């Protein structure tokens, strides 16, 4: 399994007891993985498993023992477009690794976004360049997307924002919750 990341953004918002995560993994962003070795993930390279509705996980640090959300649990939604893979997840802070992830992110220690995938046979193009080689991934099985400290793609960044309702918005939320139990 290969790990990679690209230009992207990860946004976290706290709502009630859970944290909502939104991220974008843009396609077509070239990165240098090592001296002279460049890579690009083509548009919809991950479409196969996404469109079939297969289970994909959001993990902390590519560790399947530290899941943050999954499609099977109903806490991870993926939308594949020509421009990017869009990720939306609900992270419940009830596990120690979810609390650790949220704390590390809040401290600025985790800022990378990285997909875990396996390239299909024939799912890549290799081009020789004067400065090295360019590998374009055109078809790969996406198994997970991770929040990481050091993504393979140095451009990948994570951004977080806290959202707390105040004023009229807070009053509407409280009124809604109180009224739903009244007969």
N, C-alpha and C. Protein backbone atom coordinates (compact mmCIF):
# COMPACT_ATOMS: atom_id res chain seq x y z
N UNK A 1 0.85 -1.17 0.00
CA UNK A 1 0.00 0.00 0.00
C UNK A 1 0.89 1.22 0.00
N UNK A 2 0.53 2.22 -0.79
CA UNK A 2 1.29 3.46 -0.86
C UNK A 2 0.56 4.55 -0.13
N UNK A 3 1.30 5.51 0.39
CA UNK A 3 0.71 6.65 1.08
C UNK A 3 1.08 7.89 0.31
N UNK A 4 0.17 8.82 0.18
CA UNK A 4 0.49 10.06 -0.49
C UNK A 4 -0.45 11.14 -0.03
N UNK A 5 -0.10 12.37 -0.30
CA UNK A 5 -0.98 13.49 0.02
C UNK A 5 -0.77 14.55 -1.03
N UNK A 6 -1.63 15.50 -1.07
CA UNK A 6 -1.54 16.54 -2.07
C UNK A 6 -2.00 17.85 -1.47
N UNK A 7 -2.00 18.89 -2.31
CA UNK A 7 -2.57 20.16 -1.85
C UNK A 7 -3.95 19.86 -1.31
N UNK A 8 -4.23 20.27 -0.16
CA UNK A 8 -5.54 20.00 0.41
C UNK A 8 -5.73 20.80 1.66
N UNK A 9 -6.93 20.78 2.15
CA UNK A 9 -7.22 21.49 3.38
C UNK A 9 -8.11 20.62 4.23
N UNK A 10 -7.93 20.69 5.51
CA UNK A 10 -8.75 19.95 6.45
C UNK A 10 -9.28 20.95 7.45
N UNK A 11 -10.57 20.99 7.60
CA UNK A 11 -11.21 21.94 8.50
C UNK A 11 -11.98 21.16 9.56
N UNK A 12 -11.79 21.52 10.81
CA UNK A 12 -12.50 20.87 11.91
C UNK A 12 -13.40 21.89 12.60
N UNK A 13 -14.63 21.48 12.89
CA UNK A 13 -15.57 22.34 13.61
C UNK A 13 -16.23 21.51 14.69
N UNK A 14 -16.27 22.04 15.91
CA UNK A 14 -16.94 21.36 17.02
C UNK A 14 -18.40 21.78 17.03
N UNK A 15 -19.28 20.78 17.08
CA UNK A 15 -20.72 21.03 17.14
C UNK A 15 -21.29 20.03 18.12
N UNK A 16 -21.77 20.49 19.25
CA UNK A 16 -22.28 19.58 20.26
C UNK A 16 -21.13 18.76 20.81
N UNK A 17 -21.28 17.44 20.88
CA UNK A 17 -20.24 16.59 21.42
C UNK A 17 -19.30 16.04 20.37
N UNK A 18 -19.62 16.24 19.09
CA UNK A 18 -18.78 15.67 18.03
C UNK A 18 -18.08 16.79 17.28
N UNK A 19 -17.06 16.40 16.55
CA UNK A 19 -16.32 17.34 15.72
C UNK A 19 -16.57 16.99 14.27
N UNK A 20 -16.90 17.99 13.47
CA UNK A 20 -17.12 17.80 12.04
C UNK A 20 -15.84 18.15 11.30
N UNK A 21 -15.46 17.26 10.42
CA UNK A 21 -14.26 17.44 9.63
C UNK A 21 -14.66 17.57 8.17
N UNK A 22 -14.07 18.53 7.50
CA UNK A 22 -14.25 18.69 6.06
C UNK A 22 -12.87 18.85 5.46
N UNK A 23 -12.63 18.12 4.38
CA UNK A 23 -11.32 18.19 3.74
C UNK A 23 -11.48 18.06 2.23
N UNK A 24 -10.50 18.54 1.52
CA UNK A 24 -10.46 18.43 0.07
C UNK A 24 -9.09 17.91 -0.33
N UNK A 25 -9.08 16.89 -1.15
CA UNK A 25 -7.84 16.35 -1.70
C UNK A 25 -7.87 16.65 -3.19
N UNK A 26 -7.20 17.73 -3.63
CA UNK A 26 -7.28 18.13 -5.04
C UNK A 26 -6.49 17.20 -5.95
N UNK A 27 -7.05 16.96 -7.11
CA UNK A 27 -6.37 16.16 -8.14
C UNK A 27 -5.49 17.06 -9.00
N UNK A 28 -4.49 16.47 -9.64
CA UNK A 28 -3.67 17.19 -10.60
C UNK A 28 -2.53 17.99 -9.99
N UNK A 29 -2.30 17.89 -8.70
CA UNK A 29 -1.21 18.63 -8.05
C UNK A 29 0.06 17.79 -8.08
N UNK A 30 1.07 18.31 -8.72
CA UNK A 30 2.35 17.59 -8.83
C UNK A 30 3.20 17.83 -7.59
N UNK A 31 3.84 16.77 -7.11
CA UNK A 31 4.74 16.91 -5.98
C UNK A 31 6.00 16.10 -6.22
N UNK A 32 7.08 16.50 -5.57
CA UNK A 32 8.34 15.77 -5.65
C UNK A 32 8.44 14.88 -4.41
N UNK A 33 8.34 13.57 -4.61
CA UNK A 33 8.40 12.62 -3.50
C UNK A 33 9.83 12.39 -3.01
N UNK A 34 10.76 12.43 -3.94
CA UNK A 34 12.19 12.29 -3.65
C UNK A 34 12.91 13.00 -4.79
N UNK A 35 14.18 13.18 -4.66
CA UNK A 35 14.94 13.89 -5.70
C UNK A 35 14.69 13.27 -7.07
N UNK A 36 14.09 14.05 -7.97
CA UNK A 36 13.84 13.59 -9.33
C UNK A 36 12.63 12.67 -9.50
N UNK A 37 11.91 12.37 -8.43
CA UNK A 37 10.72 11.50 -8.51
C UNK A 37 9.47 12.33 -8.21
N UNK A 38 8.70 12.59 -9.24
CA UNK A 38 7.50 13.41 -9.13
C UNK A 38 6.27 12.54 -9.29
N UNK A 39 5.16 12.99 -8.69
CA UNK A 39 3.93 12.22 -8.77
C UNK A 39 2.73 13.15 -8.85
N UNK A 40 1.71 12.71 -9.61
CA UNK A 40 0.45 13.42 -9.75
C UNK A 40 -0.66 12.37 -9.63
N UNK A 41 -1.72 12.71 -8.93
CA UNK A 41 -2.90 11.85 -8.90
C UNK A 41 -3.93 12.50 -9.80
N UNK A 42 -4.31 11.76 -10.86
CA UNK A 42 -5.23 12.28 -11.87
C UNK A 42 -6.66 12.36 -11.32
N UNK A 43 -7.46 13.18 -11.96
CA UNK A 43 -8.87 13.34 -11.57
C UNK A 43 -9.57 11.98 -11.56
N UNK A 44 -10.32 11.76 -10.50
CA UNK A 44 -11.13 10.56 -10.30
C UNK A 44 -10.32 9.25 -10.28
N UNK A 45 -9.06 9.36 -9.92
CA UNK A 45 -8.24 8.15 -9.83
C UNK A 45 -8.77 7.19 -8.77
N UNK A 46 -9.48 7.70 -7.77
CA UNK A 46 -10.01 6.87 -6.68
C UNK A 46 -11.48 6.51 -6.87
N UNK A 47 -12.06 6.81 -8.02
CA UNK A 47 -13.51 6.68 -8.23
C UNK A 47 -14.04 5.26 -8.06
N UNK A 48 -13.29 4.26 -8.40
CA UNK A 48 -13.79 2.88 -8.42
C UNK A 48 -14.41 2.46 -7.09
N UNK A 49 -13.66 2.45 -6.01
CA UNK A 49 -14.19 2.03 -4.70
C UNK A 49 -15.20 3.03 -4.14
N UNK A 50 -15.01 4.30 -4.44
CA UNK A 50 -15.94 5.31 -3.94
C UNK A 50 -17.32 5.10 -4.56
N UNK A 51 -17.37 4.94 -5.88
CA UNK A 51 -18.65 4.77 -6.57
C UNK A 51 -19.33 3.46 -6.22
N UNK A 52 -18.57 2.43 -5.89
CA UNK A 52 -19.16 1.15 -5.48
C UNK A 52 -19.67 1.20 -4.05
N UNK A 53 -19.36 2.27 -3.33
CA UNK A 53 -19.84 2.42 -1.96
C UNK A 53 -19.09 1.57 -0.96
N UNK A 54 -17.88 1.15 -1.30
CA UNK A 54 -17.11 0.30 -0.39
C UNK A 54 -16.64 1.08 0.83
N UNK A 55 -16.33 0.33 1.88
CA UNK A 55 -15.92 0.96 3.13
C UNK A 55 -14.53 1.59 2.97
N UNK A 56 -14.43 2.81 3.38
CA UNK A 56 -13.18 3.56 3.39
C UNK A 56 -13.12 4.23 4.75
N UNK A 57 -11.93 4.36 5.30
CA UNK A 57 -11.76 4.89 6.66
C UNK A 57 -11.03 6.23 6.67
N UNK A 58 -11.32 7.02 7.67
CA UNK A 58 -10.51 8.17 8.03
C UNK A 58 -9.71 7.72 9.24
N UNK A 59 -8.38 7.79 9.15
CA UNK A 59 -7.51 7.27 10.20
C UNK A 59 -6.60 8.37 10.75
N UNK A 60 -6.09 8.12 11.93
CA UNK A 60 -5.03 8.94 12.49
C UNK A 60 -3.71 8.26 12.12
N UNK A 61 -2.92 8.91 11.30
CA UNK A 61 -1.59 8.43 10.97
C UNK A 61 -1.51 7.10 10.25
N UNK A 62 -2.44 6.81 9.33
CA UNK A 62 -2.44 5.56 8.55
C UNK A 62 -2.50 4.31 9.43
N UNK A 63 -3.05 4.43 10.61
CA UNK A 63 -3.11 3.31 11.55
C UNK A 63 -4.55 2.81 11.65
N UNK A 64 -4.80 1.61 11.10
CA UNK A 64 -6.15 1.05 11.14
C UNK A 64 -6.59 0.72 12.57
N UNK A 65 -5.68 0.77 13.51
CA UNK A 65 -6.04 0.61 14.92
C UNK A 65 -6.47 1.93 15.55
N UNK A 66 -6.44 3.03 14.78
CA UNK A 66 -6.86 4.34 15.27
C UNK A 66 -7.85 4.99 14.29
N UNK A 67 -9.00 4.33 14.07
CA UNK A 67 -9.98 4.91 13.14
C UNK A 67 -10.69 6.11 13.75
N UNK A 68 -10.93 7.11 12.92
CA UNK A 68 -11.65 8.30 13.34
C UNK A 68 -13.07 8.32 12.78
N UNK A 69 -13.26 7.72 11.60
CA UNK A 69 -14.58 7.65 10.96
C UNK A 69 -14.51 6.61 9.85
N UNK A 70 -15.68 6.14 9.40
CA UNK A 70 -15.72 5.21 8.27
C UNK A 70 -17.07 5.29 7.57
N UNK A 71 -17.07 4.86 6.32
CA UNK A 71 -18.32 4.84 5.56
C UNK A 71 -19.29 3.82 6.17
N UNK A 72 -18.78 2.67 6.59
CA UNK A 72 -19.65 1.62 7.15
C UNK A 72 -20.35 2.10 8.42
N UNK A 73 -19.67 2.92 9.20
CA UNK A 73 -20.26 3.44 10.44
C UNK A 73 -21.19 4.63 10.17
N UNK A 74 -21.20 5.11 8.93
CA UNK A 74 -22.04 6.25 8.59
C UNK A 74 -21.47 7.58 9.03
N UNK A 75 -20.18 7.61 9.39
CA UNK A 75 -19.56 8.84 9.87
C UNK A 75 -18.60 9.46 8.86
N UNK A 76 -18.50 8.86 7.66
CA UNK A 76 -17.61 9.38 6.63
C UNK A 76 -18.34 9.40 5.30
N UNK A 77 -18.35 10.57 4.66
CA UNK A 77 -18.92 10.71 3.33
C UNK A 77 -17.82 11.20 2.40
N UNK A 78 -17.80 10.62 1.19
CA UNK A 78 -16.83 10.99 0.17
C UNK A 78 -17.57 11.41 -1.09
N UNK A 79 -17.11 12.48 -1.70
CA UNK A 79 -17.68 12.94 -2.96
C UNK A 79 -16.52 13.14 -3.93
N UNK A 80 -16.58 12.44 -5.05
CA UNK A 80 -15.51 12.49 -6.04
C UNK A 80 -15.92 13.40 -7.19
N UNK A 81 -15.13 14.43 -7.45
CA UNK A 81 -15.41 15.35 -8.56
C UNK A 81 -14.19 15.38 -9.47
N UNK A 82 -14.31 16.08 -10.58
CA UNK A 82 -13.17 16.20 -11.49
C UNK A 82 -12.02 16.98 -10.84
N UNK A 83 -12.34 17.88 -9.94
CA UNK A 83 -11.33 18.73 -9.32
C UNK A 83 -10.70 18.12 -8.08
N UNK A 84 -11.51 17.38 -7.29
CA UNK A 84 -10.99 16.93 -5.99
C UNK A 84 -11.85 15.83 -5.38
N UNK A 85 -11.25 15.15 -4.42
CA UNK A 85 -11.98 14.25 -3.55
C UNK A 85 -12.39 15.07 -2.34
N UNK A 86 -13.69 15.14 -2.07
CA UNK A 86 -14.20 15.91 -0.93
C UNK A 86 -14.57 14.95 0.18
N UNK A 87 -14.12 15.27 1.38
CA UNK A 87 -14.28 14.40 2.54
C UNK A 87 -15.06 15.13 3.62
N UNK A 88 -16.07 14.46 4.17
CA UNK A 88 -16.81 14.99 5.32
C UNK A 88 -16.93 13.87 6.34
N UNK A 89 -16.60 14.16 7.58
CA UNK A 89 -16.64 13.14 8.63
C UNK A 89 -17.12 13.74 9.94
N UNK A 90 -17.68 12.87 10.76
CA UNK A 90 -18.04 13.23 12.12
C UNK A 90 -17.14 12.42 13.04
N UNK A 91 -16.35 13.11 13.85
CA UNK A 91 -15.42 12.45 14.76
C UNK A 91 -15.97 12.55 16.17
N UNK A 92 -16.20 11.40 16.76
CA UNK A 92 -16.68 11.34 18.14
C UNK A 92 -15.46 11.21 19.04
N UNK A 93 -15.30 12.11 19.97
CA UNK A 93 -14.12 12.14 20.83
C UNK A 93 -14.17 11.14 21.98
N UNK A 94 -14.91 10.04 21.84
CA UNK A 94 -15.03 9.07 22.93
C UNK A 94 -13.84 8.12 23.03
N UNK A 95 -13.03 8.02 21.97
CA UNK A 95 -11.86 7.14 22.03
C UNK A 95 -10.62 7.96 22.38
N UNK A 96 -9.65 7.31 22.99
CA UNK A 96 -8.43 8.02 23.39
C UNK A 96 -7.67 8.53 22.17
N UNK A 97 -7.65 7.76 21.06
CA UNK A 97 -6.89 8.20 19.89
C UNK A 97 -7.60 9.36 19.19
N UNK A 98 -8.94 9.43 19.25
CA UNK A 98 -9.64 10.58 18.68
C UNK A 98 -9.33 11.84 19.49
N UNK A 99 -9.33 11.71 20.81
CA UNK A 99 -8.97 12.86 21.66
C UNK A 99 -7.52 13.27 21.41
N UNK A 100 -6.63 12.28 21.26
CA UNK A 100 -5.22 12.58 20.98
C UNK A 100 -5.09 13.31 19.64
N UNK A 101 -5.80 12.82 18.62
CA UNK A 101 -5.75 13.47 17.31
C UNK A 101 -6.24 14.91 17.40
N UNK A 102 -7.38 15.12 18.05
CA UNK A 102 -7.95 16.47 18.15
C UNK A 102 -7.02 17.40 18.92
N UNK A 103 -6.40 16.90 19.99
CA UNK A 103 -5.46 17.71 20.76
C UNK A 103 -4.20 18.03 19.95
N UNK A 104 -3.67 17.04 19.24
CA UNK A 104 -2.47 17.26 18.42
C UNK A 104 -2.76 18.25 17.30
N UNK A 105 -3.93 18.13 16.71
CA UNK A 105 -4.30 19.07 15.66
C UNK A 105 -4.45 20.48 16.21
N UNK A 106 -5.11 20.60 17.35
CA UNK A 106 -5.30 21.91 17.98
C UNK A 106 -3.95 22.55 18.34
N UNK A 107 -2.96 21.72 18.65
CA UNK A 107 -1.62 22.22 19.00
C UNK A 107 -0.77 22.53 17.78
N UNK A 108 -1.30 22.25 16.59
CA UNK A 108 -0.55 22.52 15.37
C UNK A 108 0.43 21.42 14.99
N UNK A 109 0.33 20.26 15.61
CA UNK A 109 1.28 19.18 15.35
C UNK A 109 0.90 18.33 14.15
N UNK A 110 -0.38 18.24 13.85
CA UNK A 110 -0.85 17.45 12.70
C UNK A 110 -1.45 18.42 11.70
N UNK A 111 -0.84 18.49 10.52
CA UNK A 111 -1.31 19.43 9.50
C UNK A 111 -1.37 18.80 8.11
N UNK A 112 -1.06 17.52 7.98
CA UNK A 112 -1.04 16.88 6.67
C UNK A 112 -2.24 16.00 6.41
N UNK A 113 -2.56 15.82 5.14
CA UNK A 113 -3.64 14.96 4.68
C UNK A 113 -3.04 13.98 3.68
N UNK A 114 -3.30 12.69 3.86
CA UNK A 114 -2.62 11.68 3.07
C UNK A 114 -3.53 10.49 2.79
N UNK A 115 -3.73 10.12 1.51
CA UNK A 115 -4.55 8.94 1.20
C UNK A 115 -3.72 7.67 1.20
N UNK A 116 -4.35 6.57 1.60
CA UNK A 116 -3.72 5.25 1.51
C UNK A 116 -4.40 4.50 0.38
N UNK A 117 -3.62 4.07 -0.61
CA UNK A 117 -4.21 3.47 -1.80
C UNK A 117 -3.28 2.42 -2.40
N UNK A 118 -3.85 1.61 -3.30
CA UNK A 118 -3.09 0.62 -4.07
C UNK A 118 -3.39 0.88 -5.54
N UNK A 119 -2.35 1.06 -6.35
CA UNK A 119 -2.50 1.37 -7.76
C UNK A 119 -2.96 0.12 -8.52
N UNK A 120 -3.97 0.30 -9.39
CA UNK A 120 -4.43 -0.81 -10.23
C UNK A 120 -3.35 -1.19 -11.23
N UNK A 121 -3.39 -2.41 -11.70
CA UNK A 121 -2.50 -2.81 -12.80
C UNK A 121 -2.87 -1.95 -14.00
N UNK A 122 -1.88 -1.28 -14.57
CA UNK A 122 -2.13 -0.38 -15.69
C UNK A 122 -2.69 0.97 -15.27
N UNK A 123 -2.73 1.25 -13.98
CA UNK A 123 -3.32 2.47 -13.46
C UNK A 123 -2.32 3.60 -13.27
N UNK A 124 -1.20 3.55 -13.99
CA UNK A 124 -0.21 4.62 -13.87
C UNK A 124 0.48 4.84 -15.20
N UNK A 125 0.96 6.07 -15.38
CA UNK A 125 1.78 6.42 -16.54
C UNK A 125 3.10 6.95 -16.00
N UNK A 126 4.18 6.50 -16.59
CA UNK A 126 5.52 6.97 -16.19
C UNK A 126 6.11 7.75 -17.37
N UNK A 127 6.54 8.97 -17.08
CA UNK A 127 7.16 9.81 -18.10
C UNK A 127 8.57 10.15 -17.67
N UNK A 128 9.50 10.02 -18.57
CA UNK A 128 10.88 10.44 -18.31
C UNK A 128 10.99 11.93 -18.60
N UNK A 129 11.66 12.64 -17.71
CA UNK A 129 11.90 14.08 -17.86
C UNK A 129 13.37 14.34 -17.67
N UNK A 130 13.79 15.52 -18.06
CA UNK A 130 15.19 15.90 -17.85
C UNK A 130 15.52 15.91 -16.36
N UNK A 131 14.55 16.31 -15.54
CA UNK A 131 14.77 16.41 -14.10
C UNK A 131 14.41 15.13 -13.35
N UNK A 132 14.09 14.04 -14.06
CA UNK A 132 13.73 12.79 -13.39
C UNK A 132 12.54 12.12 -14.04
N UNK A 133 11.65 11.57 -13.24
CA UNK A 133 10.47 10.89 -13.76
C UNK A 133 9.20 11.45 -13.10
N UNK A 134 8.13 11.39 -13.89
CA UNK A 134 6.82 11.78 -13.40
C UNK A 134 5.92 10.56 -13.47
N UNK A 135 5.33 10.21 -12.34
CA UNK A 135 4.37 9.11 -12.27
C UNK A 135 2.99 9.74 -12.10
N UNK A 136 2.08 9.43 -13.03
CA UNK A 136 0.70 9.91 -12.93
C UNK A 136 -0.17 8.71 -12.59
N UNK A 137 -0.83 8.77 -11.46
CA UNK A 137 -1.72 7.69 -11.03
C UNK A 137 -3.10 7.98 -11.61
N UNK A 138 -3.59 7.04 -12.44
CA UNK A 138 -4.89 7.22 -13.09
C UNK A 138 -5.98 6.34 -12.50
N UNK A 139 -5.62 5.26 -11.84
CA UNK A 139 -6.62 4.36 -11.23
C UNK A 139 -5.99 3.66 -10.03
N UNK A 140 -6.63 3.85 -8.86
CA UNK A 140 -6.11 3.24 -7.63
C UNK A 140 -7.26 2.95 -6.68
N UNK A 141 -7.11 1.91 -5.88
CA UNK A 141 -8.09 1.59 -4.85
C UNK A 141 -7.77 2.41 -3.61
N UNK A 142 -8.69 3.28 -3.22
CA UNK A 142 -8.55 4.09 -2.02
C UNK A 142 -9.10 3.30 -0.84
N UNK A 143 -8.27 3.08 0.17
CA UNK A 143 -8.69 2.34 1.35
C UNK A 143 -8.92 3.25 2.55
N UNK A 144 -8.16 4.35 2.60
CA UNK A 144 -8.27 5.25 3.74
C UNK A 144 -7.66 6.60 3.41
N UNK A 145 -8.05 7.58 4.21
CA UNK A 145 -7.46 8.90 4.17
C UNK A 145 -7.04 9.21 5.59
N UNK A 146 -5.83 9.73 5.77
CA UNK A 146 -5.30 9.96 7.11
C UNK A 146 -4.88 11.40 7.34
N UNK A 147 -5.02 11.79 8.59
CA UNK A 147 -4.43 13.04 9.07
C UNK A 147 -3.04 12.65 9.58
N UNK A 148 -2.01 13.33 9.09
CA UNK A 148 -0.63 12.95 9.39
C UNK A 148 0.24 14.16 9.72
N UNK A 149 1.37 13.89 10.35
CA UNK A 149 2.31 14.97 10.65
C UNK A 149 3.22 15.29 9.47
N UNK A 150 3.60 14.27 8.70
CA UNK A 150 4.51 14.47 7.57
C UNK A 150 3.97 13.75 6.35
N UNK A 151 3.15 14.43 5.54
CA UNK A 151 2.62 13.79 4.35
C UNK A 151 3.69 13.64 3.27
N UNK A 152 3.51 12.67 2.41
CA UNK A 152 4.43 12.49 1.30
C UNK A 152 4.41 13.71 0.38
N UNK A 153 3.29 14.38 0.31
CA UNK A 153 3.16 15.60 -0.48
C UNK A 153 3.31 16.78 0.46
N UNK A 154 4.39 17.50 0.34
CA UNK A 154 4.68 18.57 1.28
C UNK A 154 3.65 19.71 1.24
N UNK A 155 2.89 19.83 0.13
CA UNK A 155 1.91 20.91 0.02
C UNK A 155 0.67 20.66 0.87
N UNK A 156 0.44 19.44 1.30
CA UNK A 156 -0.79 19.14 2.04
C UNK A 156 -0.80 19.87 3.38
N UNK A 157 -1.87 20.58 3.62
CA UNK A 157 -2.00 21.35 4.85
C UNK A 157 -3.35 21.06 5.49
N UNK A 158 -3.39 21.15 6.79
CA UNK A 158 -4.63 21.00 7.54
C UNK A 158 -4.92 22.31 8.22
N UNK A 159 -6.17 22.69 8.20
CA UNK A 159 -6.59 23.93 8.86
C UNK A 159 -7.77 23.60 9.76
N UNK A 160 -7.81 24.16 10.93
CA UNK A 160 -8.91 23.89 11.87
C UNK A 160 -9.54 25.18 12.33
N UNK A 161 -10.82 25.12 12.53
CA UNK A 161 -11.56 26.24 13.10
C UNK A 161 -12.56 25.70 14.08
N UNK A 162 -12.71 26.36 15.20
CA UNK A 162 -13.73 25.97 16.17
C UNK A 162 -14.96 26.81 15.92
N UNK A 163 -16.11 26.18 16.09
CA UNK A 163 -17.37 26.88 15.89
C UNK A 163 -18.22 26.70 17.12
N UNK A 164 -18.55 27.79 17.75
CA UNK A 164 -19.43 27.77 18.91
C UNK A 164 -20.58 28.71 18.62
N UNK A 165 -21.81 28.23 18.67
CA UNK A 165 -22.93 29.12 18.41
C UNK A 165 -23.07 30.16 19.52
N UNK A 166 -23.35 31.41 19.13
CA UNK A 166 -23.56 32.48 20.09
C UNK A 166 -24.79 33.28 19.68
N UNK A 167 -25.29 34.07 20.59
CA UNK A 167 -26.39 34.98 20.29
C UNK A 167 -27.63 34.27 19.79
N UNK A 168 -28.20 34.81 18.71
CA UNK A 168 -29.44 34.30 18.15
C UNK A 168 -29.32 32.85 17.68
N UNK A 169 -28.17 32.48 17.10
CA UNK A 169 -27.97 31.10 16.64
C UNK A 169 -28.04 30.14 17.82
N UNK A 170 -27.36 30.45 18.90
CA UNK A 170 -27.39 29.59 20.09
C UNK A 170 -28.80 29.47 20.65
N UNK A 171 -29.52 30.58 20.68
CA UNK A 171 -30.90 30.57 21.20
C UNK A 171 -31.80 29.68 20.34
N UNK A 172 -31.65 29.74 19.01
CA UNK A 172 -32.46 28.89 18.12
C UNK A 172 -32.16 27.42 18.34
N UNK A 173 -30.89 27.08 18.55
CA UNK A 173 -30.52 25.68 18.78
C UNK A 173 -31.13 25.18 20.08
N UNK A 174 -31.00 25.96 21.14
CA UNK A 174 -31.57 25.57 22.43
C UNK A 174 -33.09 25.45 22.31
N UNK A 175 -33.75 26.42 21.68
CA UNK A 175 -35.21 26.38 21.52
C UNK A 175 -35.64 25.15 20.72
N UNK A 176 -34.89 24.82 19.68
CA UNK A 176 -35.22 23.64 18.87
C UNK A 176 -35.17 22.38 19.72
N UNK A 177 -34.13 22.21 20.51
CA UNK A 177 -33.98 21.01 21.33
C UNK A 177 -35.04 20.95 22.43
N UNK A 178 -35.41 22.07 23.00
CA UNK A 178 -36.45 22.09 24.02
C UNK A 178 -37.83 21.78 23.42
N UNK A 179 -38.09 22.36 22.27
CA UNK A 179 -39.40 22.20 21.64
C UNK A 179 -39.63 20.80 21.07
N UNK A 180 -38.62 20.10 20.69
CA UNK A 180 -38.83 18.79 20.08
C UNK A 180 -39.36 17.78 21.10
N UNK A 181 -39.24 18.04 22.40
CA UNK A 181 -39.73 17.11 23.42
C UNK A 181 -41.10 17.52 23.95
N UNK A 182 -41.60 18.65 23.50
CA UNK A 182 -42.91 19.11 23.96
C UNK A 182 -44.01 18.51 23.09
N UNK A 183 -45.16 18.27 23.70
CA UNK A 183 -46.29 17.73 22.95
C UNK A 183 -47.20 18.82 22.50
